[in-house]
């Protein structure tokens, strides 16, 4: 299933809902380009809602890590929200849960940005 991205802005925070697979190739490139465009538009707070992501491969993980690094370099922050069990387990096995700021829901991720402001 192709990756579909739905972007919206809530209180100055960009929330991107991801639906499908984040895999090496077009899907990873689409996500990378969209998030980089958001950051380039001077949006410093981004939430990636992964609740509808059913699969991530090593290329997809690499894309998430690269976006995290890009955001930090630009003074921005990316939070992950609503992980499925499969994606959460993958991030735990790869120890990437310690790298990302992960929240149980998009609402909680948005709240964590609001509370930090």
PDB file of N, CA and C in Angstrom:
ATOM      1  N   UNK A   1       0.841  -1.183   0.000  1.00  0.00           N
ATOM      2  CA  UNK A   1       0.000   0.000   0.000  1.00  0.00           C
ATOM      3  C   UNK A   1       0.882   1.242   0.000  1.00  0.00           C
ATOM      4  N   UNK A   2       0.602   2.137  -0.912  1.00  0.00           N
ATOM      5  CA  UNK A   2       1.353   3.380  -0.989  1.00  0.00           C
ATOM      6  C   UNK A   2       1.180   4.201   0.280  1.00  0.00           C
ATOM      7  N   UNK A   3       2.179   5.003   0.598  1.00  0.00           N
ATOM      8  CA  UNK A   3       2.104   5.887   1.758  1.00  0.00           C
ATOM      9  C   UNK A   3       1.285   7.119   1.393  1.00  0.00           C
ATOM     10  N   UNK A   4       0.314   7.439   2.256  1.00  0.00           N
ATOM     11  CA  UNK A   4      -0.481   8.659   2.086  1.00  0.00           C
ATOM     12  C   UNK A   4      -0.206   9.548   3.287  1.00  0.00           C
ATOM     13  N   UNK A   5       0.006  10.824   3.030  1.00  0.00           N
ATOM     14  CA  UNK A   5       0.272  11.789   4.091  1.00  0.00           C
ATOM     15  C   UNK A   5      -0.846  12.828   4.118  1.00  0.00           C
ATOM     16  N   UNK A   6      -1.341  13.098   5.321  1.00  0.00           N
ATOM     17  CA  UNK A   6      -2.345  14.138   5.510  1.00  0.00           C
ATOM     18  C   UNK A   6      -1.780  15.138   6.500  1.00  0.00           C
ATOM     19  N   UNK A   7      -1.633  16.369   6.051  1.00  0.00           N
ATOM     20  CA  UNK A   7      -0.987  17.397   6.872  1.00  0.00           C
ATOM     21  C   UNK A   7      -2.012  18.420   7.342  1.00  0.00           C
ATOM     22  N   UNK A   8      -1.903  18.808   8.605  1.00  0.00           N
ATOM     23  CA  UNK A   8      -2.737  19.883   9.135  1.00  0.00           C
ATOM     24  C   UNK A   8      -1.944  20.619  10.197  1.00  0.00           C
ATOM     25  N   UNK A   9      -2.368  21.836  10.489  1.00  0.00           N
ATOM     26  CA  UNK A   9      -1.696  22.642  11.500  1.00  0.00           C
ATOM     27  C   UNK A   9      -2.649  22.879  12.661  1.00  0.00           C
ATOM     28  N   UNK A  10      -2.168  22.611  13.880  1.00  0.00           N
ATOM     29  CA  UNK A  10      -2.951  22.787  15.099  1.00  0.00           C
ATOM     30  C   UNK A  10      -2.144  23.669  16.043  1.00  0.00           C
ATOM     31  N   UNK A  11      -2.635  24.868  16.314  1.00  0.00           N
ATOM     32  CA  UNK A  11      -1.944  25.797  17.219  1.00  0.00           C
ATOM     33  C   UNK A  11      -0.480  26.009  16.837  1.00  0.00           C
ATOM     34  N   UNK A  12      -0.207  26.111  15.550  1.00  0.00           N
ATOM     35  CA  UNK A  12       1.158  26.339  15.085  1.00  0.00           C
ATOM     36  C   UNK A  12       2.028  25.092  15.039  1.00  0.00           C
ATOM     37  N   UNK A  13       1.451  23.941  15.360  1.00  0.00           N
ATOM     38  CA  UNK A  13       2.179  22.668  15.325  1.00  0.00           C
ATOM     39  C   UNK A  13       1.696  21.910  14.094  1.00  0.00           C
ATOM     40  N   UNK A  14       2.624  21.403  13.282  1.00  0.00           N
ATOM     41  CA  UNK A  14       2.245  20.659  12.084  1.00  0.00           C
ATOM     42  C   UNK A  14       2.115  19.183  12.442  1.00  0.00           C
ATOM     43  N   UNK A  15       0.930  18.646  12.206  1.00  0.00           N
ATOM     44  CA  UNK A  15       0.673  17.222  12.435  1.00  0.00           C
ATOM     45  C   UNK A  15       0.542  16.545  11.076  1.00  0.00           C
ATOM     46  N   UNK A  16       1.337  15.502  10.875  1.00  0.00           N
ATOM     47  CA  UNK A  16       1.301  14.758   9.614  1.00  0.00           C
ATOM     48  C   UNK A  16       0.865  13.333   9.928  1.00  0.00           C
ATOM     49  N   UNK A  17      -0.300  12.965   9.396  1.00  0.00           N
ATOM     50  CA  UNK A  17      -0.794  11.604   9.582  1.00  0.00           C
ATOM     51  C   UNK A  17      -0.272  10.747   8.442  1.00  0.00           C
ATOM     52  N   UNK A  18       0.381   9.653   8.802  1.00  0.00           N
ATOM     53  CA  UNK A  18       0.953   8.743   7.822  1.00  0.00           C
ATOM     54  C   UNK A  18       0.070   7.500   7.734  1.00  0.00           C
ATOM     55  N   UNK A  19      -0.247   7.086   6.511  1.00  0.00           N
ATOM     56  CA  UNK A  19      -1.119   5.943   6.305  1.00  0.00           C
ATOM     57  C   UNK A  19      -0.505   5.042   5.245  1.00  0.00           C
ATOM     58  N   UNK A  20      -0.145   3.811   5.634  1.00  0.00           N
ATOM     59  CA  UNK A  20       0.454   2.866   4.691  1.00  0.00           C
ATOM     60  C   UNK A  20       1.775   2.334   5.200  1.00  0.00           C
ATOM     61  N   UNK A  21       2.731   2.206   4.298  1.00  0.00           N
ATOM     62  CA  UNK A  21       4.038   1.657   4.642  1.00  0.00           C
ATOM     63  C   UNK A  21       5.127   2.718   4.462  1.00  0.00           C
ATOM     64  N   UNK A  22       6.094   2.706   5.367  1.00  0.00           N
ATOM     65  CA  UNK A  22       7.259   3.585   5.210  1.00  0.00           C
ATOM     66  C   UNK A  22       8.420   2.662   4.852  1.00  0.00           C
ATOM     67  N   UNK A  23       8.685   2.570   3.555  1.00  0.00           N
ATOM     68  CA  UNK A  23       9.705   1.653   3.056  1.00  0.00           C
ATOM     69  C   UNK A  23      10.647   2.404   2.117  1.00  0.00           C
ATOM     70  N   UNK A  24      11.806   1.787   1.880  1.00  0.00           N
ATOM     71  CA  UNK A  24      12.805   2.370   0.994  1.00  0.00           C
ATOM     72  C   UNK A  24      12.183   2.630  -0.375  1.00  0.00           C
ATOM     73  N   UNK A  25      12.437   3.794  -0.921  1.00  0.00           N
ATOM     74  CA  UNK A  25      11.932   4.122  -2.246  1.00  0.00           C
ATOM     75  C   UNK A  25      11.016   5.324  -2.204  1.00  0.00           C
ATOM     76  N   UNK A  26       9.940   5.252  -2.992  1.00  0.00           N
ATOM     77  CA  UNK A  26       9.030   6.390  -3.129  1.00  0.00           C
ATOM     78  C   UNK A  26       8.415   6.815  -1.804  1.00  0.00           C
ATOM     79  N   UNK A  27       8.037   5.833  -0.963  1.00  0.00           N
ATOM     80  CA  UNK A  27       7.382   6.160   0.299  1.00  0.00           C
ATOM     81  C   UNK A  27       8.302   6.956   1.217  1.00  0.00           C
ATOM     82  N   UNK A  28       9.529   6.480   1.385  1.00  0.00           N
ATOM     83  CA  UNK A  28      10.486   7.201   2.240  1.00  0.00           C
ATOM     84  C   UNK A  28      10.794   8.581   1.667  1.00  0.00           C
ATOM     85  N   UNK A  29      10.931   8.651   0.345  1.00  0.00           N
ATOM     86  CA  UNK A  29      11.222   9.934  -0.304  1.00  0.00           C
ATOM     87  C   UNK A  29      10.067  10.917  -0.104  1.00  0.00           C
ATOM     88  N   UNK A  30       8.834  10.430  -0.206  1.00  0.00           N
ATOM     89  CA  UNK A  30       7.665  11.283  -0.003  1.00  0.00           C
ATOM     90  C   UNK A  30       7.653  11.848   1.421  1.00  0.00           C
ATOM     91  N   UNK A  31       7.869  10.998   2.406  1.00  0.00           N
ATOM     92  CA  UNK A  31       7.878  11.445   3.794  1.00  0.00           C
ATOM     93  C   UNK A  31       9.021  12.431   4.042  1.00  0.00           C
ATOM     94  N   UNK A  32      10.205  12.077   3.565  1.00  0.00           N
ATOM     95  CA  UNK A  32      11.373  12.945   3.741  1.00  0.00           C
ATOM     96  C   UNK A  32      11.138  14.321   3.120  1.00  0.00           C
ATOM     97  N   UNK A  33      10.658  14.343   1.890  1.00  0.00           N
ATOM     98  CA  UNK A  33      10.433  15.622   1.195  1.00  0.00           C
ATOM     99  C   UNK A  33       9.381  16.463   1.913  1.00  0.00           C
ATOM    100  N   UNK A  34       8.300  15.827   2.357  1.00  0.00           N
ATOM    101  CA  UNK A  34       7.215  16.567   3.015  1.00  0.00           C
ATOM    102  C   UNK A  34       7.694  17.173   4.334  1.00  0.00           C
ATOM    103  N   UNK A  35       8.387  16.395   5.143  1.00  0.00           N
ATOM    104  CA  UNK A  35       8.848  16.899   6.444  1.00  0.00           C
ATOM    105  C   UNK A  35       9.915  17.966   6.260  1.00  0.00           C
ATOM    106  N   UNK A  36      10.821  17.767   5.310  1.00  0.00           N
ATOM    107  CA  UNK A  36      11.851  18.790   5.058  1.00  0.00           C
ATOM    108  C   UNK A  36      11.218  20.098   4.576  1.00  0.00           C
ATOM    109  N   UNK A  37      10.164  20.002   3.771  1.00  0.00           N
ATOM    110  CA  UNK A  37       9.465  21.194   3.303  1.00  0.00           C
ATOM    111  C   UNK A  37       8.808  21.913   4.486  1.00  0.00           C
ATOM    112  N   UNK A  38       8.197  21.154   5.383  1.00  0.00           N
ATOM    113  CA  UNK A  38       7.560  21.731   6.568  1.00  0.00           C
ATOM    114  C   UNK A  38       8.591  22.475   7.416  1.00  0.00           C
ATOM    115  N   UNK A  39       9.750  21.847   7.639  1.00  0.00           N
ATOM    116  CA  UNK A  39      10.807  22.464   8.451  1.00  0.00           C
ATOM    117  C   UNK A  39      11.381  23.686   7.740  1.00  0.00           C
ATOM    118  N   UNK A  40      11.546  23.595   6.414  1.00  0.00           N
ATOM    119  CA  UNK A  40      12.073  24.721   5.645  1.00  0.00           C
ATOM    120  C   UNK A  40      11.124  25.922   5.683  1.00  0.00           C
ATOM    121  N   UNK A  41       9.834  25.648   5.873  1.00  0.00           N
ATOM    122  CA  UNK A  41       8.841  26.729   5.986  1.00  0.00           C
ATOM    123  C   UNK A  41       8.808  27.312   7.392  1.00  0.00           C
ATOM    124  N   UNK A  42       9.846  27.032   8.169  1.00  0.00           N
ATOM    125  CA  UNK A  42      10.033  27.591   9.506  1.00  0.00           C
ATOM    126  C   UNK A  42       9.033  27.059  10.537  1.00  0.00           C
ATOM    127  N   UNK A  43       8.565  25.826  10.327  1.00  0.00           N
ATOM    128  CA  UNK A  43       7.740  25.150  11.324  1.00  0.00           C
ATOM    129  C   UNK A  43       8.691  24.338  12.214  1.00  0.00           C
ATOM    130  N   UNK A  44       8.767  24.710  13.474  1.00  0.00           N
ATOM    131  CA  UNK A  44       9.739  24.088  14.374  1.00  0.00           C
ATOM    132  C   UNK A  44       9.168  22.918  15.159  1.00  0.00           C
ATOM    133  N   UNK A  45       7.842  22.710  15.076  1.00  0.00           N
ATOM    134  CA  UNK A  45       7.221  21.641  15.847  1.00  0.00           C
ATOM    135  C   UNK A  45       6.403  20.754  14.911  1.00  0.00           C
ATOM    136  N   UNK A  46       6.798  19.474  14.855  1.00  0.00           N
ATOM    137  CA  UNK A  46       6.173  18.522  13.936  1.00  0.00           C
ATOM    138  C   UNK A  46       5.807  17.254  14.705  1.00  0.00           C
ATOM    139  N   UNK A  47       4.588  16.772  14.471  1.00  0.00           N
ATOM    140  CA  UNK A  47       4.147  15.494  15.023  1.00  0.00           C
ATOM    141  C   UNK A  47       3.891  14.549  13.852  1.00  0.00           C
ATOM    142  N   UNK A  48       4.509  13.373  13.890  1.00  0.00           N
ATOM    143  CA  UNK A  48       4.224  12.340  12.905  1.00  0.00           C
ATOM    144  C   UNK A  48       3.301  11.321  13.563  1.00  0.00           C
ATOM    145  N   UNK A  49       2.065  11.260  13.092  1.00  0.00           N
ATOM    146  CA  UNK A  49       1.097  10.302  13.608  1.00  0.00           C
ATOM    147  C   UNK A  49       1.253   9.014  12.797  1.00  0.00           C
ATOM    148  N   UNK A  50       1.773   7.962  13.447  1.00  0.00           N
ATOM    149  CA  UNK A  50       2.064   6.706  12.757  1.00  0.00           C
ATOM    150  C   UNK A  50       1.009   5.640  13.026  1.00  0.00           C
ATOM    151  N   UNK A  51      -0.170   6.043  13.486  1.00  0.00           N
ATOM    152  CA  UNK A  51      -1.216   5.102  13.857  1.00  0.00           C
ATOM    153  C   UNK A  51      -1.721   4.226  12.723  1.00  0.00           C
ATOM    154  N   UNK A  52      -1.578   4.677  11.490  1.00  0.00           N
ATOM    155  CA  UNK A  52      -2.041   3.898  10.335  1.00  0.00           C
ATOM    156  C   UNK A  52      -0.877   3.346   9.512  1.00  0.00           C
ATOM    157  N   UNK A  53       0.324   3.327  10.109  1.00  0.00           N
ATOM    158  CA  UNK A  53       1.483   2.749   9.427  1.00  0.00           C
ATOM    159  C   UNK A  53       1.558   1.278   9.808  1.00  0.00           C
ATOM    160  N   UNK A  54       1.459   0.411   8.795  1.00  0.00           N
ATOM    161  CA  UNK A  54       1.444  -1.015   9.086  1.00  0.00           C
ATOM    162  C   UNK A  54       2.797  -1.694   8.900  1.00  0.00           C
ATOM    163  N   UNK A  55       3.761  -0.981   8.323  1.00  0.00           N
ATOM    164  CA  UNK A  55       5.074  -1.601   8.106  1.00  0.00           C
ATOM    165  C   UNK A  55       6.136  -0.525   7.897  1.00  0.00           C
ATOM    166  N   UNK A  56       7.293  -0.736   8.508  1.00  0.00           N
ATOM    167  CA  UNK A  56       8.461   0.122   8.278  1.00  0.00           C
ATOM    168  C   UNK A  56       9.643  -0.801   8.041  1.00  0.00           C
ATOM    169  N   UNK A  57      10.386  -0.572   6.964  1.00  0.00           N
ATOM    170  CA  UNK A  57      11.600  -1.365   6.735  1.00  0.00           C
ATOM    171  C   UNK A  57      12.829  -0.559   7.158  1.00  0.00           C
ATOM    172  N   UNK A  58      14.002  -1.108   6.916  1.00  0.00           N
ATOM    173  CA  UNK A  58      15.228  -0.429   7.359  1.00  0.00           C
ATOM    174  C   UNK A  58      15.387   0.928   6.682  1.00  0.00           C
ATOM    175  N   UNK A  59      14.962   1.042   5.429  1.00  0.00           N
ATOM    176  CA  UNK A  59      15.018   2.331   4.741  1.00  0.00           C
ATOM    177  C   UNK A  59      14.089   3.350   5.385  1.00  0.00           C
ATOM    178  N   UNK A  60      12.932   2.896   5.823  1.00  0.00           N
ATOM    179  CA  UNK A  60      11.994   3.770   6.515  1.00  0.00           C
ATOM    180  C   UNK A  60      12.534   4.225   7.859  1.00  0.00           C
ATOM    181  N   UNK A  61      13.172   3.291   8.586  1.00  0.00           N
ATOM    182  CA  UNK A  61      13.798   3.663   9.862  1.00  0.00           C
ATOM    183  C   UNK A  61      14.900   4.683   9.636  1.00  0.00           C
ATOM    184  N   UNK A  62      15.691   4.458   8.602  1.00  0.00           N
ATOM    185  CA  UNK A  62      16.763   5.401   8.268  1.00  0.00           C
ATOM    186  C   UNK A  62      16.209   6.778   7.947  1.00  0.00           C
ATOM    187  N   UNK A  63      15.074   6.825   7.265  1.00  0.00           N
ATOM    188  CA  UNK A  63      14.438   8.097   6.939  1.00  0.00           C
ATOM    189  C   UNK A  63      13.987   8.810   8.209  1.00  0.00           C
ATOM    190  N   UNK A  64      13.381   8.082   9.147  1.00  0.00           N
ATOM    191  CA  UNK A  64      12.946   8.696  10.408  1.00  0.00           C
ATOM    192  C   UNK A  64      14.141   9.265  11.181  1.00  0.00           C
ATOM    193  N   UNK A  65      15.223   8.506  11.225  1.00  0.00           N
ATOM    194  CA  UNK A  65      16.425   8.976  11.933  1.00  0.00           C
ATOM    195  C   UNK A  65      16.999  10.208  11.232  1.00  0.00           C
ATOM    196  N   UNK A  66      17.066  10.179   9.903  1.00  0.00           N
ATOM    197  CA  UNK A  66      17.592  11.325   9.143  1.00  0.00           C
ATOM    198  C   UNK A  66      16.720  12.560   9.360  1.00  0.00           C
ATOM    199  N   UNK A  67      15.402  12.390   9.404  1.00  0.00           N
ATOM    200  CA  UNK A  67      14.507  13.525   9.639  1.00  0.00           C
ATOM    201  C   UNK A  67      14.692  14.082  11.043  1.00  0.00           C
ATOM    202  N   UNK A  68      14.906  13.195  12.000  1.00  0.00           N
ATOM    203  CA  UNK A  68      15.167  13.621  13.382  1.00  0.00           C
ATOM    204  C   UNK A  68      16.427  14.490  13.418  1.00  0.00           C
ATOM    205  N   UNK A  69      17.470  14.051  12.746  1.00  0.00           N
ATOM    206  CA  UNK A  69      18.736  14.784  12.697  1.00  0.00           C
ATOM    207  C   UNK A  69      18.563  16.115  11.964  1.00  0.00           C
ATOM    208  N   UNK A  70      17.844  16.097  10.847  1.00  0.00           N
ATOM    209  CA  UNK A  70      17.582  17.321  10.090  1.00  0.00           C
ATOM    210  C   UNK A  70      16.837  18.335  10.954  1.00  0.00           C
ATOM    211  N   UNK A  71      15.834  17.846  11.671  1.00  0.00           N
ATOM    212  CA  UNK A  71      15.046  18.740  12.533  1.00  0.00           C
ATOM    213  C   UNK A  71      15.928  19.361  13.610  1.00  0.00           C
ATOM    214  N   UNK A  72      16.742  18.547  14.278  1.00  0.00           N
ATOM    215  CA  UNK A  72      17.615  19.067  15.326  1.00  0.00           C
ATOM    216  C   UNK A  72      18.561  20.133  14.776  1.00  0.00           C
ATOM    217  N   UNK A  73      19.114  19.885  13.599  1.00  0.00           N
ATOM    218  CA  UNK A  73      20.037  20.845  12.980  1.00  0.00           C
ATOM    219  C   UNK A  73      19.351  22.169  12.671  1.00  0.00           C
ATOM    220  N   UNK A  74      18.038  22.109  12.398  1.00  0.00           N
ATOM    221  CA  UNK A  74      17.281  23.315  12.051  1.00  0.00           C
ATOM    222  C   UNK A  74      16.638  23.952  13.284  1.00  0.00           C
ATOM    223  N   UNK A  75      16.914  23.400  14.465  1.00  0.00           N
ATOM    224  CA  UNK A  75      16.303  23.933  15.677  1.00  0.00           C
ATOM    225  C   UNK A  75      14.847  23.532  15.822  1.00  0.00           C
ATOM    226  N   UNK A  76      14.468  22.465  15.138  1.00  0.00           N
ATOM    227  CA  UNK A  76      13.083  21.981  15.173  1.00  0.00           C
ATOM    228  C   UNK A  76      13.018  20.680  15.975  1.00  0.00           C
ATOM    229  N   UNK A  77      11.807  20.200  16.163  1.00  0.00           N
ATOM    230  CA  UNK A  77      11.608  18.968  16.924  1.00  0.00           C
ATOM    231  C   UNK A  77      10.512  18.134  16.271  1.00  0.00           C
ATOM    232  N   UNK A  78      10.751  16.822  16.172  1.00  0.00           N
ATOM    233  CA  UNK A  78       9.760  15.894  15.636  1.00  0.00           C
ATOM    234  C   UNK A  78       9.381  14.920  16.737  1.00  0.00           C
ATOM    235  N   UNK A  79       8.082  14.777  16.958  1.00  0.00           N
ATOM    236  CA  UNK A  79       7.584  13.801  17.925  1.00  0.00           C
ATOM    237  C   UNK A  79       6.796  12.748  17.167  1.00  0.00           C
ATOM    238  N   UNK A  80       6.909  11.502  17.614  1.00  0.00           N
ATOM    239  CA  UNK A  80       6.147  10.412  17.022  1.00  0.00           C
ATOM    240  C   UNK A  80       4.939  10.130  17.897  1.00  0.00           C
ATOM    241  N   UNK A  81       3.825   9.815  17.270  1.00  0.00           N
ATOM    242  CA  UNK A  81       2.601   9.575  18.029  1.00  0.00           C
ATOM    243  C   UNK A  81       1.856   8.360  17.505  1.00  0.00           C
ATOM    244  N   UNK A  82       1.110   7.739  18.423  1.00  0.00           N
ATOM    245  CA  UNK A  82       0.136   6.719  18.064  1.00  0.00           C
ATOM    246  C   UNK A  82       0.768   5.517  17.362  1.00  0.00           C
ATOM    247  N   UNK A  83       1.885   5.015  17.886  1.00  0.00           N
ATOM    248  CA  UNK A  83       2.566   3.892  17.248  1.00  0.00           C
ATOM    249  C   UNK A  83       1.721   2.629  17.330  1.00  0.00           C
ATOM    250  N   UNK A  84       1.694   1.875  16.237  1.00  0.00           N
ATOM    251  CA  UNK A  84       1.072   0.555  16.283  1.00  0.00           C
ATOM    252  C   UNK A  84       2.005  -0.370  17.067  1.00  0.00           C
ATOM    253  N   UNK A  85       1.485  -1.504  17.495  1.00  0.00           N
ATOM    254  CA  UNK A  85       2.319  -2.443  18.253  1.00  0.00           C
ATOM    255  C   UNK A  85       3.533  -2.861  17.422  1.00  0.00           C
ATOM    256  N   UNK A  86       3.311  -3.139  16.159  1.00  0.00           N
ATOM    257  CA  UNK A  86       4.398  -3.585  15.277  1.00  0.00           C
ATOM    258  C   UNK A  86       5.499  -2.519  15.157  1.00  0.00           C
ATOM    259  N   UNK A  87       5.101  -1.279  14.944  1.00  0.00           N
ATOM    260  CA  UNK A  87       6.078  -0.188  14.800  1.00  0.00           C
ATOM    261  C   UNK A  87       6.747   0.095  16.145  1.00  0.00           C
ATOM    262  N   UNK A  88       5.982   0.081  17.223  1.00  0.00           N
ATOM    263  CA  UNK A  88       6.550   0.286  18.560  1.00  0.00           C
ATOM    264  C   UNK A  88       7.568  -0.785  18.908  1.00  0.00           C
ATOM    265  N   UNK A  89       7.248  -2.038  18.598  1.00  0.00           N
ATOM    266  CA  UNK A  89       8.176  -3.141  18.854  1.00  0.00           C
ATOM    267  C   UNK A  89       9.458  -2.973  18.045  1.00  0.00           C
ATOM    268  N   UNK A  90       9.317  -2.557  16.804  1.00  0.00           N
ATOM    269  CA  UNK A  90      10.482  -2.345  15.939  1.00  0.00           C
ATOM    270  C   UNK A  90      11.382  -1.241  16.503  1.00  0.00           C
ATOM    271  N   UNK A  91      10.784  -0.143  16.947  1.00  0.00           N
ATOM    272  CA  UNK A  91      11.583   0.944  17.529  1.00  0.00           C
ATOM    273  C   UNK A  91      12.236   0.499  18.838  1.00  0.00           C
ATOM    274  N   UNK A  92      11.574  -0.365  19.573  1.00  0.00           N
ATOM    275  CA  UNK A  92      12.159  -0.851  20.826  1.00  0.00           C
ATOM    276  C   UNK A  92      13.341  -1.784  20.547  1.00  0.00           C
ATOM    277  N   UNK A  93      13.172  -2.709  19.617  1.00  0.00           N
ATOM    278  CA  UNK A  93      14.241  -3.662  19.280  1.00  0.00           C
ATOM    279  C   UNK A  93      15.479  -2.940  18.752  1.00  0.00           C
ATOM    280  N   UNK A  94      15.263  -1.893  17.973  1.00  0.00           N
ATOM    281  CA  UNK A  94      16.382  -1.145  17.382  1.00  0.00           C
ATOM    282  C   UNK A  94      16.918  -0.052  18.316  1.00  0.00           C
ATOM    283  N   UNK A  95      16.336   0.041  19.503  1.00  0.00           N
ATOM    284  CA  UNK A  95      16.722   1.039  20.517  1.00  0.00           C
ATOM    285  C   UNK A  95      16.434   2.473  20.081  1.00  0.00           C
ATOM    286  N   UNK A  96      15.618   2.645  19.053  1.00  0.00           N
ATOM    287  CA  UNK A  96      15.284   3.994  18.584  1.00  0.00           C
ATOM    288  C   UNK A  96      14.231   4.667  19.452  1.00  0.00           C
ATOM    289  N   UNK A  97      13.582   3.903  20.321  1.00  0.00           N
ATOM    290  CA  UNK A  97      12.644   4.526  21.263  1.00  0.00           C
ATOM    291  C   UNK A  97      13.367   5.513  22.173  1.00  0.00           C
ATOM    292  N   UNK A  98      14.671   5.297  22.369  1.00  0.00           N
ATOM    293  CA  UNK A  98      15.442   6.208  23.216  1.00  0.00           C
ATOM    294  C   UNK A  98      15.835   7.481  22.464  1.00  0.00           C
ATOM    295  N   UNK A  99      15.726   7.454  21.136  1.00  0.00           N
ATOM    296  CA  UNK A  99      16.103   8.597  20.312  1.00  0.00           C
ATOM    297  C   UNK A  99      14.920   9.541  20.110  1.00  0.00           C
ATOM    298  N   UNK A 100      13.754   8.964  19.856  1.00  0.00           N
ATOM    299  CA  UNK A 100      12.571   9.754  19.528  1.00  0.00           C
ATOM    300  C   UNK A 100      11.746  10.069  20.769  1.00  0.00           C
ATOM    301  N   UNK A 101      11.034  11.187  20.701  1.00  0.00           N
ATOM    302  CA  UNK A 101      10.049  11.549  21.714  1.00  0.00           C
ATOM    303  C   UNK A 101       8.731  10.933  21.241  1.00  0.00           C
ATOM    304  N   UNK A 102       8.291   9.868  21.921  1.00  0.00           N
ATOM    305  CA  UNK A 102       7.131   9.089  21.481  1.00  0.00           C
ATOM    306  C   UNK A 102       5.961   9.298  22.435  1.00  0.00           C
ATOM    307  N   UNK A 103       4.769   9.465  21.864  1.00  0.00           N
ATOM    308  CA  UNK A 103       3.557   9.677  22.659  1.00  0.00           C
ATOM    309  C   UNK A 103       2.473   8.693  22.235  1.00  0.00           C
ATOM    310  N   UNK A 104       1.576   8.363  23.182  1.00  0.00           N
ATOM    311  CA  UNK A 104       0.518   7.388  22.938  1.00  0.00           C
ATOM    312  C   UNK A 104      -0.509   7.858  21.921  1.00  0.00           C
ATOM    313  N   UNK A 105      -0.690   9.163  21.808  1.00  0.00           N
ATOM    314  CA  UNK A 105      -1.685   9.689  20.877  1.00  0.00           C
ATOM    315  C   UNK A 105      -1.185  11.006  20.283  1.00  0.00           C
ATOM    316  N   UNK A 106      -1.799  11.394  19.189  1.00  0.00           N
ATOM    317  CA  UNK A 106      -1.455  12.676  18.572  1.00  0.00           C
ATOM    318  C   UNK A 106      -1.779  13.812  19.536  1.00  0.00           C
ATOM    319  N   UNK A 107      -2.899  13.681  20.235  1.00  0.00           N
ATOM    320  CA  UNK A 107      -3.303  14.704  21.194  1.00  0.00           C
ATOM    321  C   UNK A 107      -2.215  14.908  22.257  1.00  0.00           C
ATOM    322  N   UNK A 108      -1.676  13.811  22.796  1.00  0.00           N
ATOM    323  CA  UNK A 108      -0.645  13.919  23.841  1.00  0.00           C
ATOM    324  C   UNK A 108       0.634  14.534  23.286  1.00  0.00           C
ATOM    325  N   UNK A 109       0.967  14.216  22.040  1.00  0.00           N
ATOM    326  CA  UNK A 109       2.156  14.814  21.418  1.00  0.00           C
ATOM    327  C   UNK A 109       1.958  16.314  21.238  1.00  0.00           C
ATOM    328  N   UNK A 110       0.782  16.710  20.775  1.00  0.00           N
ATOM    329  CA  UNK A 110       0.482  18.137  20.614  1.00  0.00           C
ATOM    330  C   UNK A 110       0.519  18.840  21.966  1.00  0.00           C
ATOM    331  N   UNK A 111      -0.055  18.205  22.989  1.00  0.00           N
ATOM    332  CA  UNK A 111      -0.054  18.781  24.342  1.00  0.00           C
ATOM    333  C   UNK A 111       1.370  18.957  24.858  1.00  0.00           C
ATOM    334  N   UNK A 112       2.249  18.003  24.581  1.00  0.00           N
ATOM    335  CA  UNK A 112       3.630  18.119  25.084  1.00  0.00           C
ATOM    336  C   UNK A 112       4.330  19.330  24.460  1.00  0.00           C
ATOM    337  N   UNK A 113       4.025  19.639  23.199  1.00  0.00           N
ATOM    338  CA  UNK A 113       4.561  20.847  22.576  1.00  0.00           C
ATOM    339  C   UNK A 113       3.959  22.088  23.237  1.00  0.00           C
ATOM    340  N   UNK A 114       2.647  22.074  23.460  1.00  0.00           N
ATOM    341  CA  UNK A 114       1.985  23.227  24.067  1.00  0.00           C
ATOM    342  C   UNK A 114       2.517  23.489  25.472  1.00  0.00           C
ATOM    343  N   UNK A 115       2.711  22.428  26.254  1.00  0.00           N
ATOM    344  CA  UNK A 115       3.186  22.572  27.627  1.00  0.00           C
ATOM    345  C   UNK A 115       4.622  23.073  27.685  1.00  0.00           C
ATOM    346  N   UNK A 116       5.398  22.762  26.661  1.00  0.00           N
ATOM    347  CA  UNK A 116       6.806  23.190  26.639  1.00  0.00           C
ATOM    348  C   UNK A 116       6.937  24.652  26.244  1.00  0.00           C
ATOM    349  N   UNK A 117       5.904  25.177  25.586  1.00  0.00           N
ATOM    350  CA  UNK A 117       5.983  26.563  25.087  1.00  0.00           C
ATOM    351  C   UNK A 117       5.870  27.578  26.205  1.00  0.00           C
TER     352      UNK A 117
END
